[in-house]
Amino acid sequence: KEYGYNVRNCGTELSYALIPISEALIHWAD
């Protein structure tokens, strides 16, 4: 809303994160 960025979100707790952090997400991000 504020900056118009391309943004994704994820979680670090692999046992319950809706979208767990991954190698692809890490390399995708600036």
PDB file of all heavy atoms in Angstrom:
ATOM      1  N   LYS A   1       0.818  -1.218   0.000  1.00  0.00           N
ATOM      2  CA  LYS A   1       0.000   0.000   0.000  1.00  0.00           C
ATOM      3  C   LYS A   1       0.853   1.270   0.000  1.00  0.00           C
ATOM      4  O   LYS A   1       0.594   2.209  -0.747  1.00  0.00           O
ATOM      5  CB  LYS A   1      -0.917  -0.015   1.226  1.00  0.00           C
ATOM      6  CG  LYS A   1      -2.019   1.029   1.182  1.00  0.00           C
ATOM      7  CD  LYS A   1      -2.886   0.974   2.424  1.00  0.00           C
ATOM      8  CE  LYS A   1      -3.808  -0.211   2.361  1.00  0.00           C
ATOM      9  NZ  LYS A   1      -4.763  -0.244   3.497  1.00  0.00           N
ATOM     10  N   GLU A   2       1.899   1.294   0.843  1.00  0.00           N
ATOM     11  CA  GLU A   2       2.704   2.502   1.006  1.00  0.00           C
ATOM     12  C   GLU A   2       3.753   2.702  -0.098  1.00  0.00           C
ATOM     13  O   GLU A   2       4.044   3.828  -0.467  1.00  0.00           O
ATOM     14  CB  GLU A   2       3.434   2.474   2.359  1.00  0.00           C
ATOM     15  CG  GLU A   2       2.527   2.548   3.560  1.00  0.00           C
ATOM     16  CD  GLU A   2       1.935   3.928   3.780  1.00  0.00           C
ATOM     17  OE1 GLU A   2       2.649   4.937   3.633  1.00  0.00           O
ATOM     18  OE2 GLU A   2       0.726   3.982   4.101  1.00  0.00           O
ATOM     19  N   TYR A   3       4.336   1.597  -0.578  1.00  0.00           N
ATOM     20  CA  TYR A   3       5.480   1.715  -1.487  1.00  0.00           C
ATOM     21  C   TYR A   3       5.285   1.031  -2.834  1.00  0.00           C
ATOM     22  O   TYR A   3       6.116   1.176  -3.721  1.00  0.00           O
ATOM     23  CB  TYR A   3       6.740   1.155  -0.812  1.00  0.00           C
ATOM     24  CG  TYR A   3       7.059   1.859   0.484  1.00  0.00           C
ATOM     25  CD1 TYR A   3       6.724   1.284   1.706  1.00  0.00           C
ATOM     26  CD2 TYR A   3       7.663   3.105   0.490  1.00  0.00           C
ATOM     27  CE1 TYR A   3       6.995   1.928   2.900  1.00  0.00           C
ATOM     28  CE2 TYR A   3       7.935   3.763   1.676  1.00  0.00           C
ATOM     29  CZ  TYR A   3       7.598   3.169   2.879  1.00  0.00           C
ATOM     30  OH  TYR A   3       7.859   3.826   4.053  1.00  0.00           O
ATOM     31  N   GLY A   4       4.235   0.239  -2.966  1.00  0.00           N
ATOM     32  CA  GLY A   4       3.995  -0.460  -4.229  1.00  0.00           C
ATOM     33  C   GLY A   4       4.979  -1.579  -4.511  1.00  0.00           C
ATOM     34  O   GLY A   4       5.162  -1.985  -5.661  1.00  0.00           O
ATOM     35  N   TYR A   5       5.631  -2.091  -3.455  1.00  0.00           N
ATOM     36  CA  TYR A   5       6.596  -3.176  -3.621  1.00  0.00           C
ATOM     37  C   TYR A   5       5.907  -4.487  -4.005  1.00  0.00           C
ATOM     38  O   TYR A   5       4.717  -4.685  -3.753  1.00  0.00           O
ATOM     39  CB  TYR A   5       7.375  -3.418  -2.331  1.00  0.00           C
ATOM     40  CG  TYR A   5       8.273  -2.296  -1.882  1.00  0.00           C
ATOM     41  CD1 TYR A   5       8.657  -2.201  -0.554  1.00  0.00           C
ATOM     42  CD2 TYR A   5       8.752  -1.327  -2.756  1.00  0.00           C
ATOM     43  CE1 TYR A   5       9.490  -1.192  -0.102  1.00  0.00           C
ATOM     44  CE2 TYR A   5       9.582  -0.308  -2.320  1.00  0.00           C
ATOM     45  CZ  TYR A   5       9.947  -0.241  -0.993  1.00  0.00           C
ATOM     46  OH  TYR A   5      10.773   0.753  -0.551  1.00  0.00           O
ATOM     47  N   ASN A   6       6.673  -5.396  -4.574  1.00  0.00           N
ATOM     48  CA  ASN A   6       6.251  -6.778  -4.836  1.00  0.00           C
ATOM     49  C   ASN A   6       6.625  -7.549  -3.573  1.00  0.00           C
ATOM     50  O   ASN A   6       7.807  -7.752  -3.307  1.00  0.00           O
ATOM     51  CB  ASN A   6       6.994  -7.302  -6.062  1.00  0.00           C
ATOM     52  CG  ASN A   6       6.571  -8.693  -6.472  1.00  0.00           C
ATOM     53  OD1 ASN A   6       5.806  -9.363  -5.792  1.00  0.00           O
ATOM     54  ND2 ASN A   6       7.109  -9.146  -7.597  1.00  0.00           N
ATOM     55  N   VAL A   7       5.646  -7.955  -2.780  1.00  0.00           N
ATOM     56  CA  VAL A   7       5.931  -8.484  -1.446  1.00  0.00           C
ATOM     57  C   VAL A   7       5.302  -9.860  -1.253  1.00  0.00           C
ATOM     58  O   VAL A   7       4.179 -10.113  -1.678  1.00  0.00           O
ATOM     59  CB  VAL A   7       5.395  -7.529  -0.349  1.00  0.00           C
ATOM     60  CG1 VAL A   7       5.872  -7.971   1.030  1.00  0.00           C
ATOM     61  CG2 VAL A   7       5.814  -6.096  -0.624  1.00  0.00           C
ATOM     62  N   ARG A   8       6.056 -10.728  -0.596  1.00  0.00           N
ATOM     63  CA  ARG A   8       5.568 -12.034  -0.167  1.00  0.00           C
ATOM     64  C   ARG A   8       5.828 -12.130   1.332  1.00  0.00           C
ATOM     65  O   ARG A   8       6.685 -11.435   1.869  1.00  0.00           O
ATOM     66  CB  ARG A   8       6.324 -13.179  -0.860  1.00  0.00           C
ATOM     67  CG  ARG A   8       6.285 -13.144  -2.371  1.00  0.00           C
ATOM     68  CD  ARG A   8       4.922 -13.532  -2.914  1.00  0.00           C
ATOM     69  NE  ARG A   8       4.863 -13.396  -4.355  1.00  0.00           N
ATOM     70  CZ  ARG A   8       4.480 -12.313  -5.002  1.00  0.00           C
ATOM     71  NH1 ARG A   8       4.131 -11.242  -4.346  1.00  0.00           N
ATOM     72  NH2 ARG A   8       4.443 -12.281  -6.315  1.00  0.00           N
ATOM     73  N   ASN A   9       5.096 -13.007   1.991  1.00  0.00           N
ATOM     74  CA  ASN A   9       5.377 -13.244   3.402  1.00  0.00           C
ATOM     75  C   ASN A   9       5.418 -14.743   3.660  1.00  0.00           C
ATOM     76  O   ASN A   9       4.868 -15.535   2.895  1.00  0.00           O
ATOM     77  CB  ASN A   9       4.372 -12.541   4.306  1.00  0.00           C
ATOM     78  CG  ASN A   9       3.022 -13.196   4.318  1.00  0.00           C
ATOM     79  OD1 ASN A   9       2.392 -13.334   3.274  1.00  0.00           O
ATOM     80  ND2 ASN A   9       2.579 -13.608   5.486  1.00  0.00           N
ATOM     81  N   CYS A  10       6.106 -15.102   4.733  1.00  0.00           N
ATOM     82  CA  CYS A  10       6.262 -16.516   5.081  1.00  0.00           C
ATOM     83  C   CYS A  10       6.578 -16.635   6.566  1.00  0.00           C
ATOM     84  O   CYS A  10       6.730 -15.639   7.254  1.00  0.00           O
ATOM     85  CB  CYS A  10       7.364 -17.154   4.232  1.00  0.00           C
ATOM     86  SG  CYS A  10       8.996 -16.467   4.535  1.00  0.00           S
ATOM     87  N   GLY A  11       6.696 -17.884   7.028  1.00  0.00           N
ATOM     88  CA  GLY A  11       6.989 -18.126   8.429  1.00  0.00           C
ATOM     89  C   GLY A  11       8.204 -19.019   8.612  1.00  0.00           C
ATOM     90  O   GLY A  11       8.526 -19.832   7.747  1.00  0.00           O
ATOM     91  N   THR A  12       8.846 -18.862   9.746  1.00  0.00           N
ATOM     92  CA  THR A  12      10.050 -19.650  10.049  1.00  0.00           C
ATOM     93  C   THR A  12       9.736 -20.965  10.735  1.00  0.00           C
ATOM     94  O   THR A  12      10.567 -21.870  10.745  1.00  0.00           O
ATOM     95  CB  THR A  12      11.024 -18.866  10.948  1.00  0.00           C
ATOM     96  OG1 THR A  12      10.335 -18.488  12.151  1.00  0.00           O
ATOM     97  CG2 THR A  12      11.557 -17.630  10.240  1.00  0.00           C
ATOM     98  N   GLU A  13       8.553 -21.085  11.340  1.00  0.00           N
ATOM     99  CA  GLU A  13       8.202 -22.301  12.071  1.00  0.00           C
ATOM    100  C   GLU A  13       7.610 -23.323  11.107  1.00  0.00           C
ATOM    101  O   GLU A  13       6.422 -23.291  10.793  1.00  0.00           O
ATOM    102  CB  GLU A  13       7.237 -21.990  13.207  1.00  0.00           C
ATOM    103  CG  GLU A  13       7.824 -21.108  14.283  1.00  0.00           C
ATOM    104  CD  GLU A  13       9.066 -21.691  14.935  1.00  0.00           C
ATOM    105  OE1 GLU A  13       9.140 -22.931  15.091  1.00  0.00           O
ATOM    106  OE2 GLU A  13       9.969 -20.914  15.292  1.00  0.00           O
ATOM    107  N   LEU A  14       8.457 -24.226  10.633  1.00  0.00           N
ATOM    108  CA  LEU A  14       8.062 -25.166   9.592  1.00  0.00           C
ATOM    109  C   LEU A  14       6.885 -26.043   9.987  1.00  0.00           C
ATOM    110  O   LEU A  14       6.123 -26.491   9.132  1.00  0.00           O
ATOM    111  CB  LEU A  14       9.255 -26.020   9.181  1.00  0.00           C
ATOM    112  CG  LEU A  14      10.480 -25.253   8.681  1.00  0.00           C
ATOM    113  CD1 LEU A  14      11.581 -26.213   8.272  1.00  0.00           C
ATOM    114  CD2 LEU A  14      10.122 -24.325   7.544  1.00  0.00           C
ATOM    115  N   SER A  15       6.699 -26.268  11.294  1.00  0.00           N
ATOM    116  CA  SER A  15       5.612 -27.147  11.736  1.00  0.00           C
ATOM    117  C   SER A  15       4.232 -26.493  11.615  1.00  0.00           C
ATOM    118  O   SER A  15       3.226 -27.187  11.550  1.00  0.00           O
ATOM    119  CB  SER A  15       5.853 -27.606  13.174  1.00  0.00           C
ATOM    120  OG  SER A  15       5.862 -26.492  14.041  1.00  0.00           O
ATOM    121  N   TYR A  16       4.164 -25.150  11.592  1.00  0.00           N
ATOM    122  CA  TYR A  16       2.850 -24.527  11.499  1.00  0.00           C
ATOM    123  C   TYR A  16       2.766 -23.303  10.596  1.00  0.00           C
ATOM    124  O   TYR A  16       1.694 -22.691  10.473  1.00  0.00           O
ATOM    125  CB  TYR A  16       2.288 -24.203  12.881  1.00  0.00           C
ATOM    126  CG  TYR A  16       3.098 -23.244  13.716  1.00  0.00           C
ATOM    127  CD1 TYR A  16       2.990 -21.870  13.566  1.00  0.00           C
ATOM    128  CD2 TYR A  16       3.954 -23.721  14.710  1.00  0.00           C
ATOM    129  CE1 TYR A  16       3.715 -20.994  14.352  1.00  0.00           C
ATOM    130  CE2 TYR A  16       4.683 -22.856  15.507  1.00  0.00           C
ATOM    131  CZ  TYR A  16       4.549 -21.493  15.327  1.00  0.00           C
ATOM    132  OH  TYR A  16       5.265 -20.636  16.107  1.00  0.00           O
ATOM    133  N   ALA A  17       3.822 -22.927   9.938  1.00  0.00           N
ATOM    134  CA  ALA A  17       3.764 -21.782   9.031  1.00  0.00           C
ATOM    135  C   ALA A  17       2.864 -22.095   7.838  1.00  0.00           C
ATOM    136  O   ALA A  17       2.949 -23.181   7.259  1.00  0.00           O
ATOM    137  CB  ALA A  17       5.160 -21.418   8.543  1.00  0.00           C
ATOM    138  N   LEU A  18       2.011 -21.162   7.489  1.00  0.00           N
ATOM    139  CA  LEU A  18       1.141 -21.340   6.335  1.00  0.00           C
ATOM    140  C   LEU A  18       1.983 -21.497   5.062  1.00  0.00           C
ATOM    141  O   LEU A  18       1.771 -22.403   4.264  1.00  0.00           O
ATOM    142  CB  LEU A  18       0.196 -20.146   6.202  1.00  0.00           C
ATOM    143  CG  LEU A  18      -0.845 -20.244   5.102  1.00  0.00           C
ATOM    144  CD1 LEU A  18      -1.766 -21.434   5.330  1.00  0.00           C
ATOM    145  CD2 LEU A  18      -1.651 -18.953   5.044  1.00  0.00           C
ATOM    146  N   ILE A  19       2.954 -20.591   4.887  1.00  0.00           N
ATOM    147  CA  ILE A  19       3.931 -20.693   3.810  1.00  0.00           C
ATOM    148  C   ILE A  19       5.306 -20.672   4.479  1.00  0.00           C
ATOM    149  O   ILE A  19       5.754 -19.622   4.942  1.00  0.00           O
ATOM    150  CB  ILE A  19       3.808 -19.521   2.817  1.00  0.00           C
ATOM    151  CG1 ILE A  19       2.424 -19.520   2.179  1.00  0.00           C
ATOM    152  CG2 ILE A  19       4.909 -19.595   1.756  1.00  0.00           C
ATOM    153  CD1 ILE A  19       2.106 -18.286   1.375  1.00  0.00           C
ATOM    154  N   PRO A  20       5.966 -21.819   4.570  1.00  0.00           N
ATOM    155  CA  PRO A  20       7.284 -21.864   5.224  1.00  0.00           C
ATOM    156  C   PRO A  20       8.349 -21.138   4.400  1.00  0.00           C
ATOM    157  O   PRO A  20       8.300 -21.153   3.163  1.00  0.00           O
ATOM    158  CB  PRO A  20       7.594 -23.358   5.305  1.00  0.00           C
ATOM    159  CG  PRO A  20       6.305 -24.062   5.036  1.00  0.00           C
ATOM    160  CD  PRO A  20       5.493 -23.146   4.189  1.00  0.00           C
ATOM    161  N   ILE A  21       9.290 -20.535   5.092  1.00  0.00           N
ATOM    162  CA  ILE A  21      10.407 -19.902   4.398  1.00  0.00           C
ATOM    163  C   ILE A  21      11.132 -20.978   3.591  1.00  0.00           C
ATOM    164  O   ILE A  21      11.219 -22.124   4.011  1.00  0.00           O
ATOM    165  CB  ILE A  21      11.345 -19.193   5.402  1.00  0.00           C
ATOM    166  CG1 ILE A  21      12.310 -18.268   4.659  1.00  0.00           C
ATOM    167  CG2 ILE A  21      12.050 -20.186   6.319  1.00  0.00           C
ATOM    168  CD1 ILE A  21      13.029 -17.281   5.566  1.00  0.00           C
ATOM    169  N   SER A  22      11.596 -20.591   2.404  1.00  0.00           N
ATOM    170  CA  SER A  22      12.228 -21.570   1.524  1.00  0.00           C
ATOM    171  C   SER A  22      13.412 -20.939   0.797  1.00  0.00           C
ATOM    172  O   SER A  22      13.550 -19.717   0.735  1.00  0.00           O
ATOM    173  CB  SER A  22      11.224 -22.082   0.488  1.00  0.00           C
ATOM    174  OG  SER A  22      10.895 -21.037  -0.424  1.00  0.00           O
ATOM    175  N   GLU A  23      14.231 -21.788   0.231  1.00  0.00           N
ATOM    176  CA  GLU A  23      15.368 -21.322  -0.561  1.00  0.00           C
ATOM    177  C   GLU A  23      14.891 -20.444  -1.707  1.00  0.00           C
ATOM    178  O   GLU A  23      15.476 -19.401  -1.995  1.00  0.00           O
ATOM    179  CB  GLU A  23      16.146 -22.527  -1.095  1.00  0.00           C
ATOM    180  CG  GLU A  23      17.355 -22.143  -1.917  1.00  0.00           C
ATOM    181  CD  GLU A  23      18.104 -23.346  -2.470  1.00  0.00           C
ATOM    182  OE1 GLU A  23      17.639 -24.490  -2.315  1.00  0.00           O
ATOM    183  OE2 GLU A  23      19.165 -23.122  -3.075  1.00  0.00           O
ATOM    184  N   ALA A  24      13.815 -20.834  -2.365  1.00  0.00           N
ATOM    185  CA  ALA A  24      13.301 -20.053  -3.497  1.00  0.00           C
ATOM    186  C   ALA A  24      12.867 -18.657  -3.051  1.00  0.00           C
ATOM    187  O   ALA A  24      13.200 -17.656  -3.700  1.00  0.00           O
ATOM    188  CB  ALA A  24      12.148 -20.788  -4.165  1.00  0.00           C
ATOM    189  N   LEU A  25      12.124 -18.565  -1.937  1.00  0.00           N
ATOM    190  CA  LEU A  25      11.691 -17.260  -1.448  1.00  0.00           C
ATOM    191  C   LEU A  25      12.877 -16.385  -1.065  1.00  0.00           C
ATOM    192  O   LEU A  25      12.898 -15.185  -1.353  1.00  0.00           O
ATOM    193  CB  LEU A  25      10.747 -17.420  -0.256  1.00  0.00           C
ATOM    194  CG  LEU A  25       9.334 -17.901  -0.570  1.00  0.00           C
ATOM    195  CD1 LEU A  25       8.590 -18.235   0.714  1.00  0.00           C
ATOM    196  CD2 LEU A  25       8.577 -16.863  -1.372  1.00  0.00           C
ATOM    197  N   ILE A  26      13.859 -16.989  -0.422  1.00  0.00           N
ATOM    198  CA  ILE A  26      15.048 -16.241  -0.007  1.00  0.00           C
ATOM    199  C   ILE A  26      15.785 -15.678  -1.218  1.00  0.00           C
ATOM    200  O   ILE A  26      16.189 -14.516  -1.239  1.00  0.00           O
ATOM    201  CB  ILE A  26      15.970 -17.135   0.849  1.00  0.00           C
ATOM    202  CG1 ILE A  26      15.317 -17.399   2.207  1.00  0.00           C
ATOM    203  CG2 ILE A  26      17.357 -16.516   1.017  1.00  0.00           C
ATOM    204  CD1 ILE A  26      15.984 -18.496   3.013  1.00  0.00           C
ATOM    205  N   HIS A  27      15.942 -16.479  -2.254  1.00  0.00           N
ATOM    206  CA  HIS A  27      16.656 -16.021  -3.446  1.00  0.00           C
ATOM    207  C   HIS A  27      15.804 -15.105  -4.319  1.00  0.00           C
ATOM    208  O   HIS A  27      16.339 -14.305  -5.087  1.00  0.00           O
ATOM    209  CB  HIS A  27      17.179 -17.218  -4.249  1.00  0.00           C
ATOM    210  CG  HIS A  27      18.369 -17.846  -3.606  1.00  0.00           C
ATOM    211  ND1 HIS A  27      19.634 -17.311  -3.685  1.00  0.00           N
ATOM    212  CD2 HIS A  27      18.476 -18.946  -2.833  1.00  0.00           C
ATOM    213  CE1 HIS A  27      20.477 -18.065  -3.005  1.00  0.00           C
ATOM    214  NE2 HIS A  27      19.790 -19.060  -2.469  1.00  0.00           N
ATOM    215  N   TRP A  28      14.492 -15.192  -4.197  1.00  0.00           N
ATOM    216  CA  TRP A  28      13.582 -14.318  -4.939  1.00  0.00           C
ATOM    217  C   TRP A  28      13.708 -12.876  -4.467  1.00  0.00           C
ATOM    218  O   TRP A  28      13.671 -11.933  -5.263  1.00  0.00           O
ATOM    219  CB  TRP A  28      12.141 -14.824  -4.746  1.00  0.00           C
ATOM    220  CG  TRP A  28      11.097 -13.872  -5.214  1.00  0.00           C
ATOM    221  CD1 TRP A  28      10.630 -13.708  -6.495  1.00  0.00           C
ATOM    222  CD2 TRP A  28      10.382 -12.926  -4.414  1.00  0.00           C
ATOM    223  NE1 TRP A  28       9.672 -12.729  -6.516  1.00  0.00           N
ATOM    224  CE2 TRP A  28       9.502 -12.233  -5.257  1.00  0.00           C
ATOM    225  CE3 TRP A  28      10.405 -12.605  -3.050  1.00  0.00           C
ATOM    226  CZ2 TRP A  28       8.658 -11.236  -4.793  1.00  0.00           C
ATOM    227  CZ3 TRP A  28       9.559 -11.622  -2.589  1.00  0.00           C
ATOM    228  CH2 TRP A  28       8.695 -10.945  -3.456  1.00  0.00           C
ATOM    229  N   ALA A  29      13.892 -12.688  -3.169  1.00  0.00           N
ATOM    230  CA  ALA A  29      13.798 -11.360  -2.549  1.00  0.00           C
ATOM    231  C   ALA A  29      15.021 -10.487  -2.794  1.00  0.00           C
ATOM    232  O   ALA A  29      16.157 -10.948  -2.745  1.00  0.00           O
ATOM    233  CB  ALA A  29      13.586 -11.522  -1.048  1.00  0.00           C
ATOM    234  N   ASP A  30      14.749  -9.200  -3.025  1.00  0.00           N
ATOM    235  CA  ASP A  30      15.809  -8.185  -3.032  1.00  0.00           C
ATOM    236  C   ASP A  30      16.119  -7.782  -1.597  1.00  0.00           C
ATOM    237  O   ASP A  30      17.221  -7.321  -1.298  1.00  0.00           O
ATOM    238  CB  ASP A  30      15.356  -6.930  -3.798  1.00  0.00           C
ATOM    239  CG  ASP A  30      15.065  -7.200  -5.262  1.00  0.00           C
ATOM    240  OD1 ASP A  30      15.818  -7.967  -5.900  1.00  0.00           O
ATOM    241  OD2 ASP A  30      14.064  -6.653  -5.772  1.00  0.00           O
TER     242      ASP A  30
END
